[in-house]
Amino acid sequence: MTVKLQMLGTGSAFAKNYFNNNALLMGSGYTLLIDCGITAPLAMHELGRSFEEVEATLITHLHADHVGGFEELALTLRHTTGRKMTLLLPEALVDPLWEHTLMCGLYQKGIITSLDDVFHVRPLKPDTMYTLSPEITVRLIRTPHIPGKDSYSLMLNEEVFYSADMTFEPELLTRLVRSGGCRKIYHDCQLEGAGVVHTTLEELKSLTEDIRSRISLMHYGDEKPDYVGKTSGMDFLEQHVVYYL
């Protein structure tokens, strides 16, 4: 089976016409949820999918459009099947995810007192390749987003770069393509305004054609229809569409 990527959503944190930029990565008998933002449960419902179909969830960073659906995910599984899902996350985010994001909603004295009570927690080290299934590997790359907060982009099967929210890193993208064997880049994109914590369309358009030809844009705002055909050959990922890796 060819590995497939289905975007639950492709919107920025403030987009209203698109769901949060989360995705399902699917191989034969294995489904990985990449980030679980506020709108992920609704997006799954609209697709006719269930969290029970997902073997593991991987998070890239701790903003609500990437982790805001975790409380619902955890409680849904706990009160339906009782199954603990595998939670893959950078080791630096294990404590902050519980202490700063999930503890307030999930904590129950003597019942749920840590991430381990609701998930099989598997911390990941950056720059280390992990085999998740016979068809899927993942490697974390730390990339800049908010100063002082960890954020990690992904290399999928050592061929596909899937960005977390990140500021412009042209040297990284060039190196991945020209010496790292990267054939496809799924990149977050701020369509308007100056880039402060995201890569802008204008910055991506400054890349050479051999890099741009591999880029598909995601994590965009509601102004996206105004930019179709104005992206120097880079296409837009669309929510709910299945893409073959």
C-alpha atoms as a PDB file:
ATOM      1  CA  MET A   1       0.000   0.000   0.000  1.00  0.00           C
ATOM      2  CA  THR A   2       1.284   3.441  -0.881  1.00  0.00           C
ATOM      3  CA  VAL A   3       1.523   5.813   2.082  1.00  0.00           C
ATOM      4  CA  LYS A   4      -1.162   8.498   1.937  1.00  0.00           C
ATOM      5  CA  LEU A   5      -1.643  11.858   3.615  1.00  0.00           C
ATOM      6  CA  GLN A   6      -5.128  13.227   4.249  1.00  0.00           C
ATOM      7  CA  MET A   7      -5.378  16.781   5.490  1.00  0.00           C
ATOM      8  CA  LEU A   8      -7.999  17.140   8.216  1.00  0.00           C
ATOM      9  CA  GLY A   9      -7.564  20.857   7.717  1.00  0.00           C
ATOM     10  CA  THR A  10      -5.224  23.310   6.068  1.00  0.00           C
ATOM     11  CA  GLY A  11      -6.016  26.561   7.853  1.00  0.00           C
ATOM     12  CA  SER A  12      -3.992  28.918   9.986  1.00  0.00           C
ATOM     13  CA  ALA A  13      -4.766  29.389  13.664  1.00  0.00           C
ATOM     14  CA  PHE A  14      -7.188  32.217  12.833  1.00  0.00           C
ATOM     15  CA  ALA A  15      -8.753  30.860   9.631  1.00  0.00           C
ATOM     16  CA  LYS A  16     -12.518  30.424   9.756  1.00  0.00           C
ATOM     17  CA  ASN A  17     -13.080  28.735   6.385  1.00  0.00           C
ATOM     18  CA  TYR A  18     -10.601  25.907   6.909  1.00  0.00           C
ATOM     19  CA  PHE A  19      -9.998  23.488   9.755  1.00  0.00           C
ATOM     20  CA  ASN A  20      -6.764  23.519  11.776  1.00  0.00           C
ATOM     21  CA  ASN A  21      -3.706  22.301   9.896  1.00  0.00           C
ATOM     22  CA  ASN A  22      -3.749  18.662  11.067  1.00  0.00           C
ATOM     23  CA  ALA A  23      -3.377  15.482   9.017  1.00  0.00           C
ATOM     24  CA  LEU A  24      -3.722  11.707   8.895  1.00  0.00           C
ATOM     25  CA  LEU A  25      -0.734   9.732   7.604  1.00  0.00           C
ATOM     26  CA  MET A  26      -1.883   6.299   6.512  1.00  0.00           C
ATOM     27  CA  GLY A  27      -0.038   3.122   5.658  1.00  0.00           C
ATOM     28  CA  SER A  28      -1.202  -0.475   5.493  1.00  0.00           C
ATOM     29  CA  GLY A  29      -2.854  -1.158   8.852  1.00  0.00           C
ATOM     30  CA  TYR A  30      -1.416   1.948  10.493  1.00  0.00           C
ATOM     31  CA  THR A  31      -2.760   5.482  10.816  1.00  0.00           C
ATOM     32  CA  LEU A  32      -0.871   8.362  12.415  1.00  0.00           C
ATOM     33  CA  LEU A  33      -2.590  11.606  13.408  1.00  0.00           C
ATOM     34  CA  ILE A  34      -0.236  14.559  12.954  1.00  0.00           C
ATOM     35  CA  ASP A  35      -1.314  17.178  15.500  1.00  0.00           C
ATOM     36  CA  CYS A  36      -4.762  17.339  17.067  1.00  0.00           C
ATOM     37  CA  GLY A  37      -5.968  20.922  17.134  1.00  0.00           C
ATOM     38  CA  ILE A  38      -9.247  22.396  18.323  1.00  0.00           C
ATOM     39  CA  THR A  39     -11.087  21.467  15.122  1.00  0.00           C
ATOM     40  CA  ALA A  40      -9.617  17.954  14.684  1.00  0.00           C
ATOM     41  CA  PRO A  41     -12.565  16.115  16.326  1.00  0.00           C
ATOM     42  CA  LEU A  42     -15.080  17.922  14.095  1.00  0.00           C
ATOM     43  CA  ALA A  43     -12.948  17.349  10.998  1.00  0.00           C
ATOM     44  CA  MET A  44     -12.739  13.623  11.811  1.00  0.00           C
ATOM     45  CA  HIS A  45     -16.516  13.536  12.274  1.00  0.00           C
ATOM     46  CA  GLU A  46     -17.153  15.236   8.915  1.00  0.00           C
ATOM     47  CA  LEU A  47     -14.914  12.659   7.240  1.00  0.00           C
ATOM     48  CA  GLY A  48     -16.788   9.808   8.890  1.00  0.00           C
ATOM     49  CA  ARG A  49     -13.660   8.793  10.745  1.00  0.00           C
ATOM     50  CA  SER A  50     -13.085   7.877  14.382  1.00  0.00           C
ATOM     51  CA  PHE A  51     -10.142   8.282  16.735  1.00  0.00           C
ATOM     52  CA  GLU A  52     -10.478   4.532  17.283  1.00  0.00           C
ATOM     53  CA  GLU A  53      -8.992   4.070  13.794  1.00  0.00           C
ATOM     54  CA  VAL A  54      -5.806   5.915  14.790  1.00  0.00           C
ATOM     55  CA  GLU A  55      -2.850   3.972  16.169  1.00  0.00           C
ATOM     56  CA  ALA A  56      -0.814   6.978  17.307  1.00  0.00           C
ATOM     57  CA  THR A  57      -0.771  10.759  17.441  1.00  0.00           C
ATOM     58  CA  LEU A  58       2.327  12.904  16.921  1.00  0.00           C
ATOM     59  CA  ILE A  59       2.502  16.549  17.930  1.00  0.00           C
ATOM     60  CA  THR A  60       4.827  19.184  16.532  1.00  0.00           C
ATOM     61  CA  HIS A  61       4.345  21.977  19.089  1.00  0.00           C
ATOM     62  CA  LEU A  62       1.968  23.198  21.775  1.00  0.00           C
ATOM     63  CA  HIS A  63      -0.245  25.841  20.161  1.00  0.00           C
ATOM     64  CA  ALA A  64      -3.995  25.250  20.411  1.00  0.00           C
ATOM     65  CA  ASP A  65      -4.496  24.708  16.673  1.00  0.00           C
ATOM     66  CA  HIS A  66      -2.131  21.749  17.046  1.00  0.00           C
ATOM     67  CA  VAL A  67      -3.009  20.338  20.491  1.00  0.00           C
ATOM     68  CA  GLY A  68      -6.366  21.899  21.411  1.00  0.00           C
ATOM     69  CA  GLY A  69      -8.306  18.713  20.580  1.00  0.00           C
ATOM     70  CA  PHE A  70      -6.257  16.430  22.803  1.00  0.00           C
ATOM     71  CA  GLU A  71      -8.583  16.605  25.791  1.00  0.00           C
ATOM     72  CA  GLU A  72     -11.520  15.451  23.673  1.00  0.00           C
ATOM     73  CA  LEU A  73      -9.388  12.758  22.043  1.00  0.00           C
ATOM     74  CA  ALA A  74      -8.229  11.390  25.417  1.00  0.00           C
ATOM     75  CA  LEU A  75     -11.665  11.417  27.022  1.00  0.00           C
ATOM     76  CA  THR A  76     -13.378   9.975  23.939  1.00  0.00           C
ATOM     77  CA  LEU A  77     -11.091   6.961  23.942  1.00  0.00           C
ATOM     78  CA  ARG A  78     -11.187   6.544  27.711  1.00  0.00           C
ATOM     79  CA  HIS A  79     -14.973   6.510  27.882  1.00  0.00           C
ATOM     80  CA  THR A  80     -15.659   4.477  24.727  1.00  0.00           C
ATOM     81  CA  THR A  81     -13.054   1.723  24.367  1.00  0.00           C
ATOM     82  CA  GLY A  82     -10.768   2.429  27.313  1.00  0.00           C
ATOM     83  CA  ARG A  83      -7.856   2.156  24.893  1.00  0.00           C
ATOM     84  CA  LYS A  84      -4.690   4.141  25.451  1.00  0.00           C
ATOM     85  CA  MET A  85      -3.461   5.619  22.190  1.00  0.00           C
ATOM     86  CA  THR A  86       0.265   5.946  21.594  1.00  0.00           C
ATOM     87  CA  LEU A  87       1.374   9.557  21.940  1.00  0.00           C
ATOM     88  CA  LEU A  88       4.524  10.455  20.036  1.00  0.00           C
ATOM     89  CA  LEU A  89       6.071  13.779  20.916  1.00  0.00           C
ATOM     90  CA  PRO A  90       9.430  15.486  21.216  1.00  0.00           C
ATOM     91  CA  GLU A  91      10.940  14.684  24.609  1.00  0.00           C
ATOM     92  CA  ALA A  92      11.164  18.416  25.394  1.00  0.00           C
ATOM     93  CA  LEU A  93       7.359  18.712  25.168  1.00  0.00           C
ATOM     94  CA  VAL A  94       6.324  15.852  27.449  1.00  0.00           C
ATOM     95  CA  ASP A  95       6.159  17.829  30.700  1.00  0.00           C
ATOM     96  CA  PRO A  96       4.863  21.092  29.163  1.00  0.00           C
ATOM     97  CA  LEU A  97       2.038  19.268  27.359  1.00  0.00           C
ATOM     98  CA  TRP A  98       0.709  17.930  30.661  1.00  0.00           C
ATOM     99  CA  GLU A  99       1.555  20.809  32.983  1.00  0.00           C
ATOM    100  CA  HIS A 100       0.643  23.725  30.713  1.00  0.00           C
ATOM    101  CA  THR A 101      -2.046  22.285  28.429  1.00  0.00           C
ATOM    102  CA  LEU A 102      -3.831  19.114  29.524  1.00  0.00           C
ATOM    103  CA  MET A 103      -3.653  18.858  33.316  1.00  0.00           C
ATOM    104  CA  CYS A 104      -6.353  21.465  33.945  1.00  0.00           C
ATOM    105  CA  GLY A 105      -8.967  19.578  31.931  1.00  0.00           C
ATOM    106  CA  LEU A 106      -7.926  15.946  32.379  1.00  0.00           C
ATOM    107  CA  TYR A 107      -6.726  15.760  35.988  1.00  0.00           C
ATOM    108  CA  GLN A 108      -8.822  13.534  38.277  1.00  0.00           C
ATOM    109  CA  LYS A 109      -7.427  12.865  41.725  1.00  0.00           C
ATOM    110  CA  GLY A 110      -6.221   9.295  41.971  1.00  0.00           C
ATOM    111  CA  ILE A 111      -7.409   8.494  38.437  1.00  0.00           C
ATOM    112  CA  ILE A 112      -5.699  10.738  35.885  1.00  0.00           C
ATOM    113  CA  THR A 113      -2.599  12.389  37.265  1.00  0.00           C
ATOM    114  CA  SER A 114      -0.218  12.301  34.290  1.00  0.00           C
ATOM    115  CA  LEU A 115      -0.037  11.751  30.539  1.00  0.00           C
ATOM    116  CA  ASP A 116       0.762   8.094  31.206  1.00  0.00           C
ATOM    117  CA  ASP A 117      -2.708   7.549  32.650  1.00  0.00           C
ATOM    118  CA  VAL A 118      -4.355   8.336  29.307  1.00  0.00           C
ATOM    119  CA  PHE A 119      -1.673   7.662  26.661  1.00  0.00           C
ATOM    120  CA  HIS A 120       1.187   5.317  25.941  1.00  0.00           C
ATOM    121  CA  VAL A 121       3.766   8.105  25.904  1.00  0.00           C
ATOM    122  CA  ARG A 122       6.725   7.655  23.551  1.00  0.00           C
ATOM    123  CA  PRO A 123       9.183  10.559  23.719  1.00  0.00           C
ATOM    124  CA  LEU A 124      11.186  11.186  20.544  1.00  0.00           C
ATOM    125  CA  LYS A 125      14.643  12.661  20.176  1.00  0.00           C
ATOM    126  CA  PRO A 126      15.354  15.150  17.382  1.00  0.00           C
ATOM    127  CA  ASP A 127      17.468  14.031  14.415  1.00  0.00           C
ATOM    128  CA  THR A 128      16.711  10.366  15.084  1.00  0.00           C
ATOM    129  CA  MET A 129      14.768   8.226  12.626  1.00  0.00           C
ATOM    130  CA  TYR A 130      11.925   6.195  14.146  1.00  0.00           C
ATOM    131  CA  THR A 131      10.137   3.344  12.395  1.00  0.00           C
ATOM    132  CA  LEU A 132       6.419   3.555  13.137  1.00  0.00           C
ATOM    133  CA  SER A 133       5.263   0.821  10.776  1.00  0.00           C
ATOM    134  CA  PRO A 134       6.807  -1.212   7.931  1.00  0.00           C
ATOM    135  CA  GLU A 135       5.942   1.671   5.589  1.00  0.00           C
ATOM    136  CA  ILE A 136       6.371   4.768   7.732  1.00  0.00           C
ATOM    137  CA  THR A 137       9.386   6.388   9.358  1.00  0.00           C
ATOM    138  CA  VAL A 138       9.607   9.800  10.977  1.00  0.00           C
ATOM    139  CA  ARG A 139      12.455  12.075  12.039  1.00  0.00           C
ATOM    140  CA  LEU A 140      12.047  15.296  14.004  1.00  0.00           C
ATOM    141  CA  ILE A 141      13.856  18.453  12.930  1.00  0.00           C
ATOM    142  CA  ARG A 142      13.760  21.354  15.358  1.00  0.00           C
ATOM    143  CA  THR A 143      12.705  24.471  13.456  1.00  0.00           C
ATOM    144  CA  PRO A 144      12.194  28.077  14.665  1.00  0.00           C
ATOM    145  CA  HIS A 145       8.715  29.386  15.406  1.00  0.00           C
ATOM    146  CA  ILE A 146       8.126  31.275  18.672  1.00  0.00           C
ATOM    147  CA  PRO A 147      11.312  32.344  20.504  1.00  0.00           C
ATOM    148  CA  GLY A 148      11.773  30.214  23.610  1.00  0.00           C
ATOM    149  CA  LYS A 149       9.217  27.578  22.582  1.00  0.00           C
ATOM    150  CA  ASP A 150      10.127  24.252  21.019  1.00  0.00           C
ATOM    151  CA  SER A 151       8.666  23.364  17.623  1.00  0.00           C
ATOM    152  CA  TYR A 152       9.583  20.415  15.416  1.00  0.00           C
ATOM    153  CA  SER A 153       9.058  19.785  11.735  1.00  0.00           C
ATOM    154  CA  LEU A 154       9.004  16.245  10.336  1.00  0.00           C
ATOM    155  CA  MET A 155      10.857  14.195   7.766  1.00  0.00           C
ATOM    156  CA  LEU A 156       8.504  11.454   6.607  1.00  0.00           C
ATOM    157  CA  ASN A 157      10.174   8.386   5.115  1.00  0.00           C
ATOM    158  CA  GLU A 158      13.293  10.552   4.677  1.00  0.00           C
ATOM    159  CA  GLU A 159      11.737  11.952   1.485  1.00  0.00           C
ATOM    160  CA  VAL A 160       8.942  14.305   2.519  1.00  0.00           C
ATOM    161  CA  PHE A 161       9.405  17.418   4.672  1.00  0.00           C
ATOM    162  CA  TYR A 162       6.293  18.385   6.655  1.00  0.00           C
ATOM    163  CA  SER A 163       6.767  21.706   8.359  1.00  0.00           C
ATOM    164  CA  ALA A 164       5.544  22.658  11.760  1.00  0.00           C
ATOM    165  CA  ASP A 165       4.769  26.343  12.053  1.00  0.00           C
ATOM    166  CA  MET A 166       8.156  27.884  11.292  1.00  0.00           C
ATOM    167  CA  THR A 167       9.946  30.995  10.169  1.00  0.00           C
ATOM    168  CA  PHE A 168      11.803  30.983   6.867  1.00  0.00           C
ATOM    169  CA  GLU A 169      14.744  28.576   6.686  1.00  0.00           C
ATOM    170  CA  PRO A 170      15.981  28.694   3.080  1.00  0.00           C
ATOM    171  CA  GLU A 171      19.278  26.983   3.878  1.00  0.00           C
ATOM    172  CA  LEU A 172      17.462  24.029   5.457  1.00  0.00           C
ATOM    173  CA  LEU A 173      15.066  23.642   2.538  1.00  0.00           C
ATOM    174  CA  THR A 174      17.881  23.881   0.010  1.00  0.00           C
ATOM    175  CA  ARG A 175      19.991  21.347   1.871  1.00  0.00           C
ATOM    176  CA  LEU A 176      17.110  18.888   2.200  1.00  0.00           C
ATOM    177  CA  VAL A 177      16.423  19.000  -1.541  1.00  0.00           C
ATOM    178  CA  ARG A 178      19.924  19.163  -2.988  1.00  0.00           C
ATOM    179  CA  SER A 179      21.759  16.813  -0.653  1.00  0.00           C
ATOM    180  CA  GLY A 180      19.104  15.202   1.541  1.00  0.00           C
ATOM    181  CA  GLY A 181      16.966  13.423  -1.034  1.00  0.00           C
ATOM    182  CA  CYS A 182      13.810  15.399  -0.230  1.00  0.00           C
ATOM    183  CA  ARG A 183      11.357  15.169  -3.128  1.00  0.00           C
ATOM    184  CA  LYS A 184       8.328  16.891  -1.571  1.00  0.00           C
ATOM    185  CA  ILE A 185       7.799  19.772   0.887  1.00  0.00           C
ATOM    186  CA  TYR A 186       4.534  20.517   2.673  1.00  0.00           C
ATOM    187  CA  HIS A 187       5.111  23.995   4.077  1.00  0.00           C
ATOM    188  CA  ASP A 188       3.104  26.374   6.268  1.00  0.00           C
ATOM    189  CA  CYS A 189       2.532  29.683   4.538  1.00  0.00           C
ATOM    190  CA  GLN A 190       1.429  33.115   5.695  1.00  0.00           C
ATOM    191  CA  LEU A 191      -0.099  34.694   2.614  1.00  0.00           C
ATOM    192  CA  GLU A 192      -0.204  38.336   3.734  1.00  0.00           C
ATOM    193  CA  GLY A 193       1.862  40.598   5.986  1.00  0.00           C
ATOM    194  CA  ALA A 194       5.365  40.410   7.361  1.00  0.00           C
ATOM    195  CA  GLY A 195       6.557  37.073   8.659  1.00  0.00           C
ATOM    196  CA  VAL A 196       7.205  37.118  12.392  1.00  0.00           C
ATOM    197  CA  VAL A 197       6.522  33.537  13.453  1.00  0.00           C
ATOM    198  CA  HIS A 198       5.596  32.017  10.075  1.00  0.00           C
ATOM    199  CA  THR A 199       7.152  31.732   6.637  1.00  0.00           C
ATOM    200  CA  THR A 200       5.503  34.093   4.168  1.00  0.00           C
ATOM    201  CA  LEU A 201       4.493  33.441   0.592  1.00  0.00           C
ATOM    202  CA  GLU A 202       6.908  36.115  -0.590  1.00  0.00           C
ATOM    203  CA  GLU A 203       9.760  34.369   1.193  1.00  0.00           C
ATOM    204  CA  LEU A 204       8.905  31.012  -0.375  1.00  0.00           C
ATOM    205  CA  LYS A 205       8.621  32.671  -3.801  1.00  0.00           C
ATOM    206  CA  SER A 206      12.240  33.822  -3.393  1.00  0.00           C
ATOM    207  CA  LEU A 207      13.470  30.210  -3.504  1.00  0.00           C
ATOM    208  CA  THR A 208      14.901  28.807  -6.698  1.00  0.00           C
ATOM    209  CA  GLU A 209      12.599  26.896  -9.023  1.00  0.00           C
ATOM    210  CA  ASP A 210      14.045  23.482  -8.156  1.00  0.00           C
ATOM    211  CA  ILE A 211      12.967  24.052  -4.536  1.00  0.00           C
ATOM    212  CA  ARG A 212       9.621  25.740  -5.278  1.00  0.00           C
ATOM    213  CA  SER A 213       8.568  22.922  -7.621  1.00  0.00           C
ATOM    214  CA  ARG A 214       8.508  20.558  -4.645  1.00  0.00           C
ATOM    215  CA  ILE A 215       6.450  22.803  -2.335  1.00  0.00           C
ATOM    216  CA  SER A 216       2.761  22.542  -1.514  1.00  0.00           C
ATOM    217  CA  LEU A 217       1.325  25.244   0.743  1.00  0.00           C
ATOM    218  CA  MET A 218      -0.683  24.669   3.924  1.00  0.00           C
ATOM    219  CA  HIS A 219      -1.608  26.499   7.152  1.00  0.00           C
ATOM    220  CA  TYR A 220      -2.932  29.458   5.177  1.00  0.00           C
ATOM    221  CA  GLY A 221      -5.562  32.095   5.909  1.00  0.00           C
ATOM    222  CA  ASP A 222      -9.056  32.714   4.588  1.00  0.00           C
ATOM    223  CA  GLU A 223      -7.640  34.945   1.856  1.00  0.00           C
ATOM    224  CA  LYS A 224      -6.315  31.843   0.081  1.00  0.00           C
ATOM    225  CA  PRO A 225      -8.718  32.041  -2.933  1.00  0.00           C
ATOM    226  CA  ASP A 226      -7.235  35.426  -3.830  1.00  0.00           C
ATOM    227  CA  TYR A 227      -3.803  33.819  -4.234  1.00  0.00           C
ATOM    228  CA  VAL A 228      -4.608  30.868  -6.460  1.00  0.00           C
ATOM    229  CA  GLY A 229      -2.354  31.151  -9.508  1.00  0.00           C
ATOM    230  CA  LYS A 230      -0.130  33.729  -7.819  1.00  0.00           C
ATOM    231  CA  THR A 231       2.270  31.429  -5.976  1.00  0.00           C
ATOM    232  CA  SER A 232       5.099  30.980  -8.505  1.00  0.00           C
ATOM    233  CA  GLY A 233       4.051  27.415  -9.277  1.00  0.00           C
ATOM    234  CA  MET A 234       3.528  26.192  -5.705  1.00  0.00           C
ATOM    235  CA  ASP A 235       0.149  24.514  -5.216  1.00  0.00           C
ATOM    236  CA  PHE A 236      -2.196  24.596  -2.222  1.00  0.00           C
ATOM    237  CA  LEU A 237      -2.984  21.543  -0.157  1.00  0.00           C
ATOM    238  CA  GLU A 238      -6.754  21.193   0.263  1.00  0.00           C
ATOM    239  CA  GLN A 239      -8.537  19.970   3.387  1.00  0.00           C
ATOM    240  CA  HIS A 240      -9.928  16.404   3.347  1.00  0.00           C
ATOM    241  CA  VAL A 241      -8.107  15.579   0.100  1.00  0.00           C
ATOM    242  CA  VAL A 242      -5.942  12.436   0.083  1.00  0.00           C
ATOM    243  CA  TYR A 243      -2.407  12.839  -1.260  1.00  0.00           C
ATOM    244  CA  TYR A 244      -0.058   9.993  -2.122  1.00  0.00           C
ATOM    245  CA  LEU A 245       3.439  10.272  -0.694  1.00  0.00           C
END
